[in-house]
Amino acid sequence: SRAVEQLRLYAVELQMAPVKSAVHIAWGDFLAVRQGEKKLEDLEHLNQAAAALVNDVAWWAKVLKAARAADAIAEEAKAA
């Protein structure tokens, strides 16, 4: 419990945003690509997972950029 709380504090300090998507590469898929038996493009489940992850990150980037811009404007107004 304390370890989770400590990690939460680090995540906040690093200004990390949560994403629910992830790309999990199974060992068999990794070996097949590494040995040249398959290409990453052939692994549709990885392509779908990667697309979902990129969409999540892009959404957060857009939202956080707008929020940080609003904070900057508020700080400028406060300083004036």
C-alpha atoms as a PDB file:
ATOM      1  CA  SER A   1       0.000   0.000   0.000  1.00  0.00           C
ATOM      2  CA  ARG A   2       2.782   2.435   0.861  1.00  0.00           C
ATOM      3  CA  ALA A   3       4.687   1.458  -2.263  1.00  0.00           C
ATOM      4  CA  VAL A   4       1.691   2.272  -4.447  1.00  0.00           C
ATOM      5  CA  GLU A   5       1.273   5.618  -2.715  1.00  0.00           C
ATOM      6  CA  GLN A   6       4.959   6.377  -3.270  1.00  0.00           C
ATOM      7  CA  LEU A   7       4.661   5.516  -6.959  1.00  0.00           C
ATOM      8  CA  ARG A   8       1.603   7.739  -7.226  1.00  0.00           C
ATOM      9  CA  LEU A   9       3.626  10.650  -5.854  1.00  0.00           C
ATOM     10  CA  TYR A  10       6.376  10.045  -8.409  1.00  0.00           C
ATOM     11  CA  ALA A  11       3.819   9.890 -11.215  1.00  0.00           C
ATOM     12  CA  VAL A  12       2.317  13.200 -10.113  1.00  0.00           C
ATOM     13  CA  GLU A  13       5.741  14.823  -9.845  1.00  0.00           C
ATOM     14  CA  LEU A  14       6.653  13.635 -13.340  1.00  0.00           C
ATOM     15  CA  GLN A  15       3.308  14.977 -14.614  1.00  0.00           C
ATOM     16  CA  MET A  16       2.430  11.585 -16.057  1.00  0.00           C
ATOM     17  CA  ALA A  17      -0.975  10.992 -17.581  1.00  0.00           C
ATOM     18  CA  PRO A  18      -2.670   7.596 -17.438  1.00  0.00           C
ATOM     19  CA  VAL A  19      -3.293   5.583 -20.579  1.00  0.00           C
ATOM     20  CA  LYS A  20      -5.278   2.380 -20.582  1.00  0.00           C
ATOM     21  CA  SER A  21      -3.959   1.018 -23.866  1.00  0.00           C
ATOM     22  CA  ALA A  22      -0.753  -0.959 -24.160  1.00  0.00           C
ATOM     23  CA  VAL A  23       1.097  -3.047 -26.709  1.00  0.00           C
ATOM     24  CA  HIS A  24       1.996  -6.475 -25.379  1.00  0.00           C
ATOM     25  CA  ILE A  25       4.345  -8.416 -27.633  1.00  0.00           C
ATOM     26  CA  ALA A  26       4.216 -12.137 -26.967  1.00  0.00           C
ATOM     27  CA  TRP A  27       7.490 -14.032 -26.973  1.00  0.00           C
ATOM     28  CA  GLY A  28       6.431 -16.083 -29.980  1.00  0.00           C
ATOM     29  CA  ASP A  29       5.639 -12.960 -31.988  1.00  0.00           C
ATOM     30  CA  PHE A  30       8.933 -11.388 -30.958  1.00  0.00           C
ATOM     31  CA  LEU A  31      10.912 -14.430 -32.038  1.00  0.00           C
ATOM     32  CA  ALA A  32       9.057 -14.713 -35.338  1.00  0.00           C
ATOM     33  CA  VAL A  33       9.884 -11.099 -36.198  1.00  0.00           C
ATOM     34  CA  ARG A  34      13.439 -11.369 -34.885  1.00  0.00           C
ATOM     35  CA  GLN A  35      14.124 -14.459 -36.972  1.00  0.00           C
ATOM     36  CA  GLY A  36      12.580 -12.900 -40.067  1.00  0.00           C
ATOM     37  CA  GLU A  37       9.661 -15.334 -40.256  1.00  0.00           C
ATOM     38  CA  LYS A  38       7.125 -12.521 -39.918  1.00  0.00           C
ATOM     39  CA  LYS A  39       7.011  -8.763 -40.252  1.00  0.00           C
ATOM     40  CA  LEU A  40       5.449  -6.475 -37.681  1.00  0.00           C
ATOM     41  CA  GLU A  41       2.898  -5.466 -40.296  1.00  0.00           C
ATOM     42  CA  ASP A  42       1.670  -9.082 -40.371  1.00  0.00           C
ATOM     43  CA  LEU A  43       0.713  -9.036 -36.689  1.00  0.00           C
ATOM     44  CA  GLU A  44      -2.678  -7.329 -36.853  1.00  0.00           C
ATOM     45  CA  HIS A  45      -3.332  -7.587 -33.105  1.00  0.00           C
ATOM     46  CA  LEU A  46      -0.171  -5.570 -32.451  1.00  0.00           C
ATOM     47  CA  ASN A  47      -1.117  -2.988 -35.060  1.00  0.00           C
ATOM     48  CA  GLN A  48      -4.536  -2.546 -33.456  1.00  0.00           C
ATOM     49  CA  ALA A  49      -3.031  -2.234 -29.980  1.00  0.00           C
ATOM     50  CA  ALA A  50      -0.441   0.256 -31.228  1.00  0.00           C
ATOM     51  CA  ALA A  51      -3.121   2.349 -32.928  1.00  0.00           C
ATOM     52  CA  ALA A  52      -5.170   2.437 -29.726  1.00  0.00           C
ATOM     53  CA  LEU A  53      -2.104   3.452 -27.707  1.00  0.00           C
ATOM     54  CA  VAL A  54      -1.183   6.212 -30.153  1.00  0.00           C
ATOM     55  CA  ASN A  55      -4.773   7.486 -30.088  1.00  0.00           C
ATOM     56  CA  ASP A  56      -4.734   7.595 -26.270  1.00  0.00           C
ATOM     57  CA  VAL A  57      -1.421   9.449 -26.185  1.00  0.00           C
ATOM     58  CA  ALA A  58      -2.542  11.887 -28.890  1.00  0.00           C
ATOM     59  CA  TRP A  59      -5.751  12.599 -26.971  1.00  0.00           C
ATOM     60  CA  TRP A  60      -3.832  13.287 -23.768  1.00  0.00           C
ATOM     61  CA  ALA A  61      -1.344  15.484 -25.629  1.00  0.00           C
ATOM     62  CA  LYS A  62      -4.159  17.578 -27.085  1.00  0.00           C
ATOM     63  CA  VAL A  63      -5.989  17.918 -23.767  1.00  0.00           C
ATOM     64  CA  LEU A  64      -2.872  18.661 -21.722  1.00  0.00           C
ATOM     65  CA  LYS A  65      -1.621  21.212 -24.249  1.00  0.00           C
ATOM     66  CA  ALA A  66      -4.907  23.112 -23.974  1.00  0.00           C
ATOM     67  CA  ALA A  67      -4.884  22.868 -20.176  1.00  0.00           C
ATOM     68  CA  ARG A  68      -1.305  24.105 -19.912  1.00  0.00           C
ATOM     69  CA  ALA A  69      -2.058  26.986 -22.274  1.00  0.00           C
ATOM     70  CA  ALA A  70      -5.027  27.952 -20.111  1.00  0.00           C
ATOM     71  CA  ASP A  71      -2.813  27.806 -17.022  1.00  0.00           C
ATOM     72  CA  ALA A  72      -0.235  30.041 -18.705  1.00  0.00           C
ATOM     73  CA  ILE A  73      -2.909  32.583 -19.616  1.00  0.00           C
ATOM     74  CA  ALA A  74      -4.230  32.526 -16.056  1.00  0.00           C
ATOM     75  CA  GLU A  75      -0.717  33.053 -14.682  1.00  0.00           C
ATOM     76  CA  GLU A  76      -0.146  35.996 -17.032  1.00  0.00           C
ATOM     77  CA  ALA A  77      -3.446  37.565 -15.997  1.00  0.00           C
ATOM     78  CA  LYS A  78      -2.583  37.026 -12.354  1.00  0.00           C
ATOM     79  CA  ALA A  79       0.833  38.652 -12.777  1.00  0.00           C
ATOM     80  CA  ALA A  80      -0.595  41.698 -14.567  1.00  0.00           C
END
